[in-house]
């Protein structure tokens, strides 16, 4: 089995990602790193996956999204069910109750791509059901997945938070171009509390930017974005920070144990680290103002 590493976790898998469309990026996470917990992912290729999909859809429903549904297994584990479409294979991902053991049931056959104008290999649901399962497991393992963009500057991490379209990745790119920062994650970094200190990590999935690097950095601060006609920044209270985190953290609402693990982490995060509100324009001046506030308070 092959091993991949992110956020102080290891993913142990028998999947040959090279056989699946769009999975080359996972190889960027193959460099060995320290890890405290392991997720094991196995794959079973079936001749007819739709029968398993139909059977799994009859299990008790826990959550419905526009991509997959989540169901309770008799052993208290979960089944993440993604029906097939003309553009993608159906699949069922079953997990143990603590999400440490995952088995992906899927089909393997080429599909026609209108965009490419040719047949293409099938793709894995790595950024949907597999991601969701691992993110839920983080709640049981001192981790908080977050909707945010992450940059590293001067050896420390800064996270930009806000609703979709608020400019998280724009501010991260401005830090890269104006301040020579490293852009680590465009959308879904993982935060962990290790030895009393908060760290942020690039994870092997992302949104539209496709920026995901196998890096971990201690967190300097978190910045909540608000589009405005001029740039200004101020510190916000722990109560305000918690409200933001409850909206931006990726919370497994169907799992009481994972919730019980994640809620105290979110509360502690709001008090351990400084949070700022940045009213901003999409310009280099906003990046420079934020950097001066977070890194040069005494200058």
C-alpha atoms as a PDB file:
ATOM      1  CA  UNK A   1       0.000   0.000   0.000  1.00  0.00           C
ATOM      2  CA  UNK A   2       1.109   3.585  -0.654  1.00  0.00           C
ATOM      3  CA  UNK A   3       1.291   6.358   1.936  1.00  0.00           C
ATOM      4  CA  UNK A   4       0.467  10.055   1.605  1.00  0.00           C
ATOM      5  CA  UNK A   5       0.862  12.694   4.298  1.00  0.00           C
ATOM      6  CA  UNK A   6      -0.981  15.894   5.238  1.00  0.00           C
ATOM      7  CA  UNK A   7      -1.865  17.832   8.400  1.00  0.00           C
ATOM      8  CA  UNK A   8       0.042  15.411  10.662  1.00  0.00           C
ATOM      9  CA  UNK A   9      -2.047  12.526   9.276  1.00  0.00           C
ATOM     10  CA  UNK A  10      -1.151   9.619   7.021  1.00  0.00           C
ATOM     11  CA  UNK A  11      -3.390   8.265   4.238  1.00  0.00           C
ATOM     12  CA  UNK A  12      -2.595   4.587   3.613  1.00  0.00           C
ATOM     13  CA  UNK A  13      -4.157   3.296   0.399  1.00  0.00           C
ATOM     14  CA  UNK A  14      -4.082   0.494  -2.148  1.00  0.00           C
ATOM     15  CA  UNK A  15      -5.296   2.815  -4.922  1.00  0.00           C
ATOM     16  CA  UNK A  16      -3.015   3.343  -7.907  1.00  0.00           C
ATOM     17  CA  UNK A  17      -3.921   6.971  -8.519  1.00  0.00           C
ATOM     18  CA  UNK A  18      -2.205   6.959 -11.895  1.00  0.00           C
ATOM     19  CA  UNK A  19      -5.021   4.808 -13.294  1.00  0.00           C
ATOM     20  CA  UNK A  20      -7.668   7.429 -12.536  1.00  0.00           C
ATOM     21  CA  UNK A  21      -8.349  10.720 -14.313  1.00  0.00           C
ATOM     22  CA  UNK A  22      -7.202  13.873 -12.533  1.00  0.00           C
ATOM     23  CA  UNK A  23      -5.514  12.161  -9.581  1.00  0.00           C
ATOM     24  CA  UNK A  24      -1.873  13.033 -10.307  1.00  0.00           C
ATOM     25  CA  UNK A  25      -1.900  15.836  -7.736  1.00  0.00           C
ATOM     26  CA  UNK A  26      -1.996  13.381  -4.819  1.00  0.00           C
ATOM     27  CA  UNK A  27       1.604  12.431  -5.578  1.00  0.00           C
ATOM     28  CA  UNK A  28       2.612  15.856  -4.276  1.00  0.00           C
ATOM     29  CA  UNK A  29       1.702  14.512  -0.811  1.00  0.00           C
ATOM     30  CA  UNK A  30       3.897  11.403  -1.004  1.00  0.00           C
ATOM     31  CA  UNK A  31       6.902  12.893   0.815  1.00  0.00           C
ATOM     32  CA  UNK A  32       7.021  11.285   4.293  1.00  0.00           C
ATOM     33  CA  UNK A  33       6.114  13.608   7.159  1.00  0.00           C
ATOM     34  CA  UNK A  34       5.443  13.138  10.852  1.00  0.00           C
ATOM     35  CA  UNK A  35       1.945  11.811  11.549  1.00  0.00           C
ATOM     36  CA  UNK A  36      -0.134  11.054  14.613  1.00  0.00           C
ATOM     37  CA  UNK A  37      -3.079   9.215  13.007  1.00  0.00           C
ATOM     38  CA  UNK A  38      -3.716   7.052   9.955  1.00  0.00           C
ATOM     39  CA  UNK A  39      -6.677   6.881   7.577  1.00  0.00           C
ATOM     40  CA  UNK A  40      -6.784   3.674   5.511  1.00  0.00           C
ATOM     41  CA  UNK A  41      -8.497   3.773   2.121  1.00  0.00           C
ATOM     42  CA  UNK A  42      -9.146   0.638   0.051  1.00  0.00           C
ATOM     43  CA  UNK A  43     -10.789   0.402  -3.339  1.00  0.00           C
ATOM     44  CA  UNK A  44     -13.013  -2.384  -4.701  1.00  0.00           C
ATOM     45  CA  UNK A  45     -13.801  -2.149  -8.419  1.00  0.00           C
ATOM     46  CA  UNK A  46     -17.160  -3.703  -9.249  1.00  0.00           C
ATOM     47  CA  UNK A  47     -18.698  -4.656 -12.577  1.00  0.00           C
ATOM     48  CA  UNK A  48     -22.070  -3.093 -11.724  1.00  0.00           C
ATOM     49  CA  UNK A  49     -21.911  -0.329  -9.138  1.00  0.00           C
ATOM     50  CA  UNK A  50     -25.462   0.956  -9.524  1.00  0.00           C
ATOM     51  CA  UNK A  51     -26.917  -2.042  -7.682  1.00  0.00           C
ATOM     52  CA  UNK A  52     -24.754  -1.199  -4.653  1.00  0.00           C
ATOM     53  CA  UNK A  53     -25.714   2.470  -4.984  1.00  0.00           C
ATOM     54  CA  UNK A  54     -29.448   1.598  -4.963  1.00  0.00           C
ATOM     55  CA  UNK A  55     -29.021  -0.700  -1.976  1.00  0.00           C
ATOM     56  CA  UNK A  56     -27.071   1.937  -0.037  1.00  0.00           C
ATOM     57  CA  UNK A  57     -29.669   4.620  -0.755  1.00  0.00           C
ATOM     58  CA  UNK A  58     -32.157   2.563   1.282  1.00  0.00           C
ATOM     59  CA  UNK A  59     -30.052   2.927   4.455  1.00  0.00           C
ATOM     60  CA  UNK A  60     -31.157   5.542   7.038  1.00  0.00           C
ATOM     61  CA  UNK A  61     -30.413   9.018   5.669  1.00  0.00           C
ATOM     62  CA  UNK A  62     -28.141  11.323   7.692  1.00  0.00           C
ATOM     63  CA  UNK A  63     -27.352  14.101   5.206  1.00  0.00           C
ATOM     64  CA  UNK A  64     -28.249  15.072   1.652  1.00  0.00           C
ATOM     65  CA  UNK A  65     -26.081  17.316  -0.539  1.00  0.00           C
ATOM     66  CA  UNK A  66     -26.227  18.128  -4.240  1.00  0.00           C
ATOM     67  CA  UNK A  67     -23.316  15.708  -4.873  1.00  0.00           C
ATOM     68  CA  UNK A  68     -23.794  12.783  -2.488  1.00  0.00           C
ATOM     69  CA  UNK A  69     -25.968  11.487   0.336  1.00  0.00           C
ATOM     70  CA  UNK A  70     -24.759  10.169   3.679  1.00  0.00           C
ATOM     71  CA  UNK A  71     -26.354   7.110   5.300  1.00  0.00           C
ATOM     72  CA  UNK A  72     -25.991   5.160   8.545  1.00  0.00           C
ATOM     73  CA  UNK A  73     -24.603   1.614   8.340  1.00  0.00           C
ATOM     74  CA  UNK A  74     -25.832  -1.112  10.732  1.00  0.00           C
ATOM     75  CA  UNK A  75     -22.461  -1.074  12.567  1.00  0.00           C
ATOM     76  CA  UNK A  76     -22.851   2.719  13.149  1.00  0.00           C
ATOM     77  CA  UNK A  77     -20.403   3.520  10.388  1.00  0.00           C
ATOM     78  CA  UNK A  78     -21.346   5.681   7.409  1.00  0.00           C
ATOM     79  CA  UNK A  79     -21.990   5.165   3.707  1.00  0.00           C
ATOM     80  CA  UNK A  80     -21.286   8.107   1.404  1.00  0.00           C
ATOM     81  CA  UNK A  81     -23.318   7.477  -1.752  1.00  0.00           C
ATOM     82  CA  UNK A  82     -22.714   9.240  -5.066  1.00  0.00           C
ATOM     83  CA  UNK A  83     -25.005   8.101  -7.910  1.00  0.00           C
ATOM     84  CA  UNK A  84     -23.523   7.940 -11.382  1.00  0.00           C
ATOM     85  CA  UNK A  85     -24.176  10.478 -14.132  1.00  0.00           C
ATOM     86  CA  UNK A  86     -23.327  10.696 -17.816  1.00  0.00           C
ATOM     87  CA  UNK A  87     -20.076  12.418 -16.802  1.00  0.00           C
ATOM     88  CA  UNK A  88     -19.029  10.376 -13.750  1.00  0.00           C
ATOM     89  CA  UNK A  89     -19.136   6.921 -12.215  1.00  0.00           C
ATOM     90  CA  UNK A  90     -21.346   6.141  -9.254  1.00  0.00           C
ATOM     91  CA  UNK A  91     -19.665   5.071  -6.036  1.00  0.00           C
ATOM     92  CA  UNK A  92     -20.255   4.092  -2.424  1.00  0.00           C
ATOM     93  CA  UNK A  93     -17.666   4.879   0.250  1.00  0.00           C
ATOM     94  CA  UNK A  94     -18.197   3.003   3.506  1.00  0.00           C
ATOM     95  CA  UNK A  95     -16.378   3.984   6.685  1.00  0.00           C
ATOM     96  CA  UNK A  96     -15.871   2.687  10.193  1.00  0.00           C
ATOM     97  CA  UNK A  97     -17.598   4.695  12.963  1.00  0.00           C
ATOM     98  CA  UNK A  98     -14.404   6.702  13.602  1.00  0.00           C
ATOM     99  CA  UNK A  99     -13.678   7.173   9.846  1.00  0.00           C
ATOM    100  CA  UNK A 100     -10.237   5.560  10.126  1.00  0.00           C
ATOM    101  CA  UNK A 101     -11.131   2.679   7.750  1.00  0.00           C
ATOM    102  CA  UNK A 102     -12.659   3.489   4.364  1.00  0.00           C
ATOM    103  CA  UNK A 103     -13.629   1.252   1.459  1.00  0.00           C
ATOM    104  CA  UNK A 104     -14.511   2.778  -1.894  1.00  0.00           C
ATOM    105  CA  UNK A 105     -16.792   0.699  -4.137  1.00  0.00           C
ATOM    106  CA  UNK A 106     -16.798   1.984  -7.696  1.00  0.00           C
ATOM    107  CA  UNK A 107     -16.737   0.979 -11.343  1.00  0.00           C
ATOM    108  CA  UNK A 108     -13.917   1.310 -13.860  1.00  0.00           C
ATOM    109  CA  UNK A 109     -14.731   2.111 -17.464  1.00  0.00           C
ATOM    110  CA  UNK A 110     -13.898   4.934 -19.816  1.00  0.00           C
ATOM    111  CA  UNK A 111     -16.371   7.789 -20.274  1.00  0.00           C
ATOM    112  CA  UNK A 112     -16.941  10.181 -23.148  1.00  0.00           C
ATOM    113  CA  UNK A 113     -15.855  13.756 -22.414  1.00  0.00           C
ATOM    114  CA  UNK A 114     -17.669  16.483 -24.364  1.00  0.00           C
ATOM    115  CA  UNK A 115     -15.059  19.005 -23.197  1.00  0.00           C
ATOM    116  CA  UNK A 116     -12.104  16.925 -24.401  1.00  0.00           C
ATOM    117  CA  UNK A 117     -13.867  15.458 -27.415  1.00  0.00           C
ATOM    118  CA  UNK A 118     -12.575  11.972 -26.565  1.00  0.00           C
ATOM    119  CA  UNK A 119     -12.949   9.063 -24.198  1.00  0.00           C
ATOM    120  CA  UNK A 120     -11.314   9.616 -20.796  1.00  0.00           C
ATOM    121  CA  UNK A 121     -10.433   7.514 -17.788  1.00  0.00           C
ATOM    122  CA  UNK A 122     -12.857   7.451 -14.843  1.00  0.00           C
ATOM    123  CA  UNK A 123     -12.142   9.795 -11.944  1.00  0.00           C
ATOM    124  CA  UNK A 124     -12.128   9.164  -8.206  1.00  0.00           C
ATOM    125  CA  UNK A 125     -14.455  11.122  -5.890  1.00  0.00           C
ATOM    126  CA  UNK A 126     -11.401  12.392  -4.034  1.00  0.00           C
ATOM    127  CA  UNK A 127     -12.687  15.921  -3.560  1.00  0.00           C
ATOM    128  CA  UNK A 128     -16.185  14.848  -2.550  1.00  0.00           C
ATOM    129  CA  UNK A 129     -16.906  11.648  -0.605  1.00  0.00           C
ATOM    130  CA  UNK A 130     -13.290  10.780   0.318  1.00  0.00           C
ATOM    131  CA  UNK A 131     -12.613  14.345   1.404  1.00  0.00           C
ATOM    132  CA  UNK A 132     -15.827  14.518   3.433  1.00  0.00           C
ATOM    133  CA  UNK A 133     -15.003  11.283   5.251  1.00  0.00           C
ATOM    134  CA  UNK A 134     -11.481  12.406   6.193  1.00  0.00           C
ATOM    135  CA  UNK A 135     -12.679  15.865   7.255  1.00  0.00           C
ATOM    136  CA  UNK A 136     -15.237  14.268   9.563  1.00  0.00           C
ATOM    137  CA  UNK A 137     -12.499  12.079  11.012  1.00  0.00           C
ATOM    138  CA  UNK A 138     -10.453  15.172  11.808  1.00  0.00           C
ATOM    139  CA  UNK A 139     -13.062  16.146  14.400  1.00  0.00           C
ATOM    140  CA  UNK A 140     -12.104  13.020  16.352  1.00  0.00           C
ATOM    141  CA  UNK A 141      -8.374  13.691  15.962  1.00  0.00           C
ATOM    142  CA  UNK A 142      -7.726  17.250  17.149  1.00  0.00           C
ATOM    143  CA  UNK A 143      -8.318  18.779  13.726  1.00  0.00           C
ATOM    144  CA  UNK A 144     -10.531  21.456  12.183  1.00  0.00           C
ATOM    145  CA  UNK A 145     -10.957  21.634   8.370  1.00  0.00           C
ATOM    146  CA  UNK A 146     -11.681  25.177   7.292  1.00  0.00           C
ATOM    147  CA  UNK A 147     -13.019  27.167   4.345  1.00  0.00           C
ATOM    148  CA  UNK A 148     -10.083  29.575   4.081  1.00  0.00           C
ATOM    149  CA  UNK A 149      -7.023  30.499   2.057  1.00  0.00           C
ATOM    150  CA  UNK A 150      -3.612  29.979   3.634  1.00  0.00           C
ATOM    151  CA  UNK A 151      -0.314  31.743   2.989  1.00  0.00           C
ATOM    152  CA  UNK A 152       3.074  31.533   4.684  1.00  0.00           C
ATOM    153  CA  UNK A 153       5.177  34.614   5.351  1.00  0.00           C
ATOM    154  CA  UNK A 154       8.305  34.829   7.521  1.00  0.00           C
ATOM    155  CA  UNK A 155       7.818  31.225   8.627  1.00  0.00           C
ATOM    156  CA  UNK A 156       4.246  31.681   9.903  1.00  0.00           C
ATOM    157  CA  UNK A 157       0.787  31.193   8.449  1.00  0.00           C
ATOM    158  CA  UNK A 158      -2.023  33.662   7.829  1.00  0.00           C
ATOM    159  CA  UNK A 159      -5.542  32.468   7.015  1.00  0.00           C
ATOM    160  CA  UNK A 160      -8.141  34.509   5.138  1.00  0.00           C
ATOM    161  CA  UNK A 161     -11.766  33.713   5.950  1.00  0.00           C
ATOM    162  CA  UNK A 162     -15.095  34.834   4.552  1.00  0.00           C
ATOM    163  CA  UNK A 163     -18.070  33.692   2.486  1.00  0.00           C
ATOM    164  CA  UNK A 164     -17.579  32.381  -1.031  1.00  0.00           C
ATOM    165  CA  UNK A 165     -16.720  35.242  -3.392  1.00  0.00           C
ATOM    166  CA  UNK A 166     -15.438  37.540  -0.626  1.00  0.00           C
ATOM    167  CA  UNK A 167     -11.882  37.440  -1.982  1.00  0.00           C
ATOM    168  CA  UNK A 168      -9.989  34.885   0.114  1.00  0.00           C
ATOM    169  CA  UNK A 169      -7.851  33.591  -2.731  1.00  0.00           C
ATOM    170  CA  UNK A 170      -7.509  37.136  -4.137  1.00  0.00           C
ATOM    171  CA  UNK A 171      -5.905  38.332  -0.896  1.00  0.00           C
ATOM    172  CA  UNK A 172      -3.688  35.240  -0.826  1.00  0.00           C
ATOM    173  CA  UNK A 173      -2.491  35.957  -4.379  1.00  0.00           C
ATOM    174  CA  UNK A 174      -1.829  39.577  -3.412  1.00  0.00           C
ATOM    175  CA  UNK A 175       0.363  38.383  -0.536  1.00  0.00           C
ATOM    176  CA  UNK A 176       2.215  36.161  -3.011  1.00  0.00           C
ATOM    177  CA  UNK A 177       2.785  38.926  -5.576  1.00  0.00           C
ATOM    178  CA  UNK A 178       3.284  41.948  -3.282  1.00  0.00           C
ATOM    179  CA  UNK A 179       4.946  40.321  -0.263  1.00  0.00           C
ATOM    180  CA  UNK A 180       6.623  37.233  -1.763  1.00  0.00           C
ATOM    181  CA  UNK A 181       4.527  34.948   0.476  1.00  0.00           C
ATOM    182  CA  UNK A 182       3.994  31.260  -0.274  1.00  0.00           C
ATOM    183  CA  UNK A 183       0.432  30.324  -1.250  1.00  0.00           C
ATOM    184  CA  UNK A 184      -0.220  26.971   0.472  1.00  0.00           C
ATOM    185  CA  UNK A 185      -3.966  26.330   0.195  1.00  0.00           C
ATOM    186  CA  UNK A 186      -6.626  28.043  -1.848  1.00  0.00           C
ATOM    187  CA  UNK A 187      -9.754  26.840  -0.080  1.00  0.00           C
ATOM    188  CA  UNK A 188      -9.644  23.978   2.463  1.00  0.00           C
ATOM    189  CA  UNK A 189      -6.633  23.994   4.797  1.00  0.00           C
ATOM    190  CA  UNK A 190      -6.617  21.911   7.955  1.00  0.00           C
ATOM    191  CA  UNK A 191      -5.896  23.354  11.406  1.00  0.00           C
ATOM    192  CA  UNK A 192      -4.493  21.294  14.267  1.00  0.00           C
ATOM    193  CA  UNK A 193      -3.634  21.967  17.889  1.00  0.00           C
ATOM    194  CA  UNK A 194      -0.341  20.168  18.532  1.00  0.00           C
ATOM    195  CA  UNK A 195       1.728  20.503  21.703  1.00  0.00           C
ATOM    196  CA  UNK A 196      -0.250  23.588  22.666  1.00  0.00           C
ATOM    197  CA  UNK A 197       0.300  25.449  19.375  1.00  0.00           C
ATOM    198  CA  UNK A 198      -1.926  25.902  16.337  1.00  0.00           C
ATOM    199  CA  UNK A 199      -0.674  24.818  12.914  1.00  0.00           C
ATOM    200  CA  UNK A 200      -2.277  25.166   9.488  1.00  0.00           C
ATOM    201  CA  UNK A 201      -1.667  22.734   6.647  1.00  0.00           C
ATOM    202  CA  UNK A 202      -2.264  22.360   2.967  1.00  0.00           C
ATOM    203  CA  UNK A 203      -4.617  19.437   2.277  1.00  0.00           C
ATOM    204  CA  UNK A 204      -4.855  17.224  -0.843  1.00  0.00           C
ATOM    205  CA  UNK A 205      -8.055  18.899  -2.087  1.00  0.00           C
ATOM    206  CA  UNK A 206      -9.037  22.414  -2.958  1.00  0.00           C
ATOM    207  CA  UNK A 207     -11.666  24.525  -4.677  1.00  0.00           C
ATOM    208  CA  UNK A 208     -11.452  26.185  -8.049  1.00  0.00           C
ATOM    209  CA  UNK A 209      -7.885  27.464  -7.536  1.00  0.00           C
ATOM    210  CA  UNK A 210      -6.340  23.986  -7.308  1.00  0.00           C
ATOM    211  CA  UNK A 211      -3.672  25.212  -4.870  1.00  0.00           C
ATOM    212  CA  UNK A 212      -2.757  22.474  -2.385  1.00  0.00           C
ATOM    213  CA  UNK A 213       0.756  22.068  -1.038  1.00  0.00           C
ATOM    214  CA  UNK A 214       2.189  19.578   1.416  1.00  0.00           C
ATOM    215  CA  UNK A 215       3.189  22.204   3.960  1.00  0.00           C
ATOM    216  CA  UNK A 216       2.455  22.981   7.585  1.00  0.00           C
ATOM    217  CA  UNK A 217       3.120  26.271   9.366  1.00  0.00           C
ATOM    218  CA  UNK A 218       2.455  27.735  12.820  1.00  0.00           C
ATOM    219  CA  UNK A 219      -0.428  30.197  12.625  1.00  0.00           C
ATOM    220  CA  UNK A 220       0.237  33.902  13.137  1.00  0.00           C
ATOM    221  CA  UNK A 221      -3.357  35.087  12.813  1.00  0.00           C
ATOM    222  CA  UNK A 222      -6.678  34.828  11.011  1.00  0.00           C
ATOM    223  CA  UNK A 223      -8.198  37.589   8.891  1.00  0.00           C
ATOM    224  CA  UNK A 224     -11.934  37.903   8.221  1.00  0.00           C
ATOM    225  CA  UNK A 225     -12.556  39.688   4.922  1.00  0.00           C
ATOM    226  CA  UNK A 226     -15.128  42.291   4.028  1.00  0.00           C
ATOM    227  CA  UNK A 227     -15.157  44.086   0.673  1.00  0.00           C
ATOM    228  CA  UNK A 228     -15.057  47.865   1.058  1.00  0.00           C
ATOM    229  CA  UNK A 229     -14.179  51.098  -0.750  1.00  0.00           C
ATOM    230  CA  UNK A 230     -11.057  51.641   1.351  1.00  0.00           C
ATOM    231  CA  UNK A 231      -8.665  49.517   3.373  1.00  0.00           C
ATOM    232  CA  UNK A 232      -8.853  49.293   7.148  1.00  0.00           C
ATOM    233  CA  UNK A 233      -8.140  46.586   9.714  1.00  0.00           C
ATOM    234  CA  UNK A 234      -9.044  46.020  13.363  1.00  0.00           C
ATOM    235  CA  UNK A 235      -8.878  43.263  15.963  1.00  0.00           C
ATOM    236  CA  UNK A 236     -12.159  41.482  16.714  1.00  0.00           C
ATOM    237  CA  UNK A 237     -13.328  39.807  19.928  1.00  0.00           C
ATOM    238  CA  UNK A 238     -13.273  36.087  20.694  1.00  0.00           C
ATOM    239  CA  UNK A 239     -17.092  36.042  20.509  1.00  0.00           C
ATOM    240  CA  UNK A 240     -17.022  37.533  17.003  1.00  0.00           C
ATOM    241  CA  UNK A 241     -14.275  35.082  16.049  1.00  0.00           C
ATOM    242  CA  UNK A 242     -16.358  32.108  17.204  1.00  0.00           C
ATOM    243  CA  UNK A 243     -19.286  33.264  15.085  1.00  0.00           C
ATOM    244  CA  UNK A 244     -17.005  33.390  12.048  1.00  0.00           C
ATOM    245  CA  UNK A 245     -15.518  29.986  12.809  1.00  0.00           C
ATOM    246  CA  UNK A 246     -18.917  28.317  13.175  1.00  0.00           C
ATOM    247  CA  UNK A 247     -19.661  29.511   9.629  1.00  0.00           C
ATOM    248  CA  UNK A 248     -16.257  28.753   8.082  1.00  0.00           C
ATOM    249  CA  UNK A 249     -15.295  25.499   9.814  1.00  0.00           C
ATOM    250  CA  UNK A 250     -16.366  22.307   8.012  1.00  0.00           C
ATOM    251  CA  UNK A 251     -18.421  20.676  10.746  1.00  0.00           C
ATOM    252  CA  UNK A 252     -19.734  17.053  10.608  1.00  0.00           C
ATOM    253  CA  UNK A 253     -23.222  17.948  11.830  1.00  0.00           C
ATOM    254  CA  UNK A 254     -24.470  14.340  11.577  1.00  0.00           C
ATOM    255  CA  UNK A 255     -21.925  12.929  14.061  1.00  0.00           C
ATOM    256  CA  UNK A 256     -22.316  13.815  17.749  1.00  0.00           C
ATOM    257  CA  UNK A 257     -18.904  12.404  18.724  1.00  0.00           C
ATOM    258  CA  UNK A 258     -17.061  14.321  16.002  1.00  0.00           C
ATOM    259  CA  UNK A 259     -19.014  17.443  16.957  1.00  0.00           C
ATOM    260  CA  UNK A 260     -18.056  16.975  20.598  1.00  0.00           C
ATOM    261  CA  UNK A 261     -14.429  16.785  19.510  1.00  0.00           C
ATOM    262  CA  UNK A 262     -14.501  19.789  17.210  1.00  0.00           C
ATOM    263  CA  UNK A 263     -16.572  22.322  19.183  1.00  0.00           C
ATOM    264  CA  UNK A 264     -14.044  22.780  22.023  1.00  0.00           C
ATOM    265  CA  UNK A 265     -11.299  23.180  19.420  1.00  0.00           C
ATOM    266  CA  UNK A 266     -13.220  25.961  17.674  1.00  0.00           C
ATOM    267  CA  UNK A 267     -13.830  27.702  20.989  1.00  0.00           C
ATOM    268  CA  UNK A 268     -10.157  27.463  21.919  1.00  0.00           C
ATOM    269  CA  UNK A 269      -9.034  28.634  18.488  1.00  0.00           C
ATOM    270  CA  UNK A 270     -11.098  31.815  18.925  1.00  0.00           C
ATOM    271  CA  UNK A 271      -9.196  32.694  22.118  1.00  0.00           C
ATOM    272  CA  UNK A 272      -5.716  31.300  21.407  1.00  0.00           C
ATOM    273  CA  UNK A 273      -5.046  33.280  18.226  1.00  0.00           C
ATOM    274  CA  UNK A 274      -5.627  36.882  17.098  1.00  0.00           C
ATOM    275  CA  UNK A 275      -8.511  37.485  14.690  1.00  0.00           C
ATOM    276  CA  UNK A 276      -8.829  40.627  12.571  1.00  0.00           C
ATOM    277  CA  UNK A 277     -11.483  42.089  10.303  1.00  0.00           C
ATOM    278  CA  UNK A 278     -10.060  43.496   7.086  1.00  0.00           C
ATOM    279  CA  UNK A 279     -12.285  45.899   5.148  1.00  0.00           C
ATOM    280  CA  UNK A 280     -10.464  45.929   1.861  1.00  0.00           C
ATOM    281  CA  UNK A 281     -10.018  46.569  -1.798  1.00  0.00           C
ATOM    282  CA  UNK A 282      -8.423  43.877  -3.979  1.00  0.00           C
ATOM    283  CA  UNK A 283      -5.072  45.693  -4.089  1.00  0.00           C
ATOM    284  CA  UNK A 284      -1.516  45.381  -2.808  1.00  0.00           C
ATOM    285  CA  UNK A 285      -2.137  48.086  -0.218  1.00  0.00           C
ATOM    286  CA  UNK A 286      -4.567  45.759   1.594  1.00  0.00           C
ATOM    287  CA  UNK A 287      -1.896  43.056   1.771  1.00  0.00           C
ATOM    288  CA  UNK A 288       0.727  45.506   3.017  1.00  0.00           C
ATOM    289  CA  UNK A 289      -1.614  46.908   5.688  1.00  0.00           C
ATOM    290  CA  UNK A 290      -2.474  43.410   6.946  1.00  0.00           C
ATOM    291  CA  UNK A 291       1.160  42.315   7.007  1.00  0.00           C
ATOM    292  CA  UNK A 292       2.213  45.389   8.971  1.00  0.00           C
ATOM    293  CA  UNK A 293      -0.604  44.828  11.476  1.00  0.00           C
ATOM    294  CA  UNK A 294       0.104  41.128  12.042  1.00  0.00           C
ATOM    295  CA  UNK A 295       3.885  41.081  11.845  1.00  0.00           C
ATOM    296  CA  UNK A 296       5.118  44.546  12.767  1.00  0.00           C
ATOM    297  CA  UNK A 297       2.937  45.718  15.621  1.00  0.00           C
ATOM    298  CA  UNK A 298       5.990  47.004  17.536  1.00  0.00           C
ATOM    299  CA  UNK A 299       7.618  48.872  14.648  1.00  0.00           C
END
